[in-house]
Amino acid sequence: MNKLKTFVLESYDEMKNKVSWPKYGQLQNSSFLVLVASLIFALFIGLIDYVFQSGMDWFYGEF
């Protein structure tokens, strides 16, 4: 039990005093970048899915 208490106290100290947290503006910019990248990735995957589905519909329509 003493090891757990020591671990929690040292973890708290590290998070409070040793970690460099980003400023609010940096956090907003990073969040916006992740949102835009996720949107682009989703559109790209959607396009690939559409092309693949169209190709399969055409292929099976031939038989």
Protein backbone atom coordinates (compact mmCIF):
# COMPACT_ATOMS: atom_id res chain seq x y z
CA MET A 1 0.00 0.00 0.00
CA ASN A 2 2.90 2.34 0.73
CA LYS A 3 4.27 1.84 -2.80
CA LEU A 4 0.91 2.82 -4.29
CA LYS A 5 0.77 5.98 -2.18
CA THR A 6 4.33 6.90 -3.19
CA PHE A 7 3.52 6.27 -6.86
CA VAL A 8 0.41 8.48 -6.75
CA LEU A 9 2.20 11.31 -4.95
CA GLU A 10 5.19 11.23 -7.32
CA SER A 11 2.88 11.09 -10.34
CA TYR A 12 0.95 14.10 -9.09
CA ASP A 13 4.17 16.02 -8.48
CA GLU A 14 5.45 15.21 -11.95
CA MET A 15 2.19 16.23 -13.64
CA LYS A 16 2.06 19.49 -11.69
CA ASN A 17 5.68 20.63 -11.74
CA LYS A 18 7.61 18.83 -14.48
CA VAL A 19 5.21 18.55 -17.41
CA SER A 20 5.10 21.48 -19.82
CA TRP A 21 1.47 21.97 -20.77
CA PRO A 22 0.58 23.77 -24.03
CA LYS A 23 -0.94 27.23 -23.99
CA TYR A 24 -4.62 27.58 -24.83
CA GLY A 25 -3.89 28.99 -28.30
CA GLN A 26 -1.56 26.13 -29.15
CA LEU A 27 -4.21 23.68 -27.98
CA GLN A 28 -6.81 25.31 -30.23
CA ASN A 29 -4.49 25.22 -33.23
CA SER A 30 -3.63 21.57 -32.65
CA SER A 31 -7.30 20.67 -32.22
CA PHE A 32 -8.20 22.47 -35.44
CA LEU A 33 -5.39 20.70 -37.29
CA VAL A 34 -6.59 17.29 -36.04
CA LEU A 35 -10.17 18.14 -37.07
CA VAL A 36 -9.15 19.18 -40.58
CA ALA A 37 -6.84 16.17 -41.03
CA SER A 38 -9.60 13.82 -39.83
CA LEU A 39 -12.07 15.39 -42.26
CA ILE A 40 -9.66 15.07 -45.19
CA PHE A 41 -8.89 11.47 -44.24
CA ALA A 42 -12.62 10.64 -43.96
CA LEU A 43 -13.32 12.20 -47.38
CA PHE A 44 -10.42 10.27 -48.92
CA ILE A 45 -11.63 6.97 -47.46
CA GLY A 46 -15.18 7.79 -48.58
CA LEU A 47 -13.94 8.46 -52.12
CA ILE A 48 -12.03 5.17 -52.19
CA ASP A 49 -15.14 3.36 -50.92
CA TYR A 50 -17.32 5.02 -53.56
CA VAL A 51 -14.92 4.12 -56.39
CA PHE A 52 -14.60 0.55 -55.15
CA GLN A 53 -18.38 0.18 -54.78
CA SER A 54 -18.98 1.61 -58.26
CA GLY A 55 -16.39 -0.75 -59.71
CA MET A 56 -17.94 -3.76 -58.01
CA ASP A 57 -21.46 -2.75 -59.15
CA TRP A 58 -20.20 -2.44 -62.72
CA PHE A 59 -18.30 -5.74 -62.52
CA TYR A 60 -21.25 -7.71 -61.15
CA GLY A 61 -23.62 -5.97 -63.57
CA GLU A 62 -21.66 -7.43 -66.47
CA PHE A 63 -22.49 -11.02 -65.43
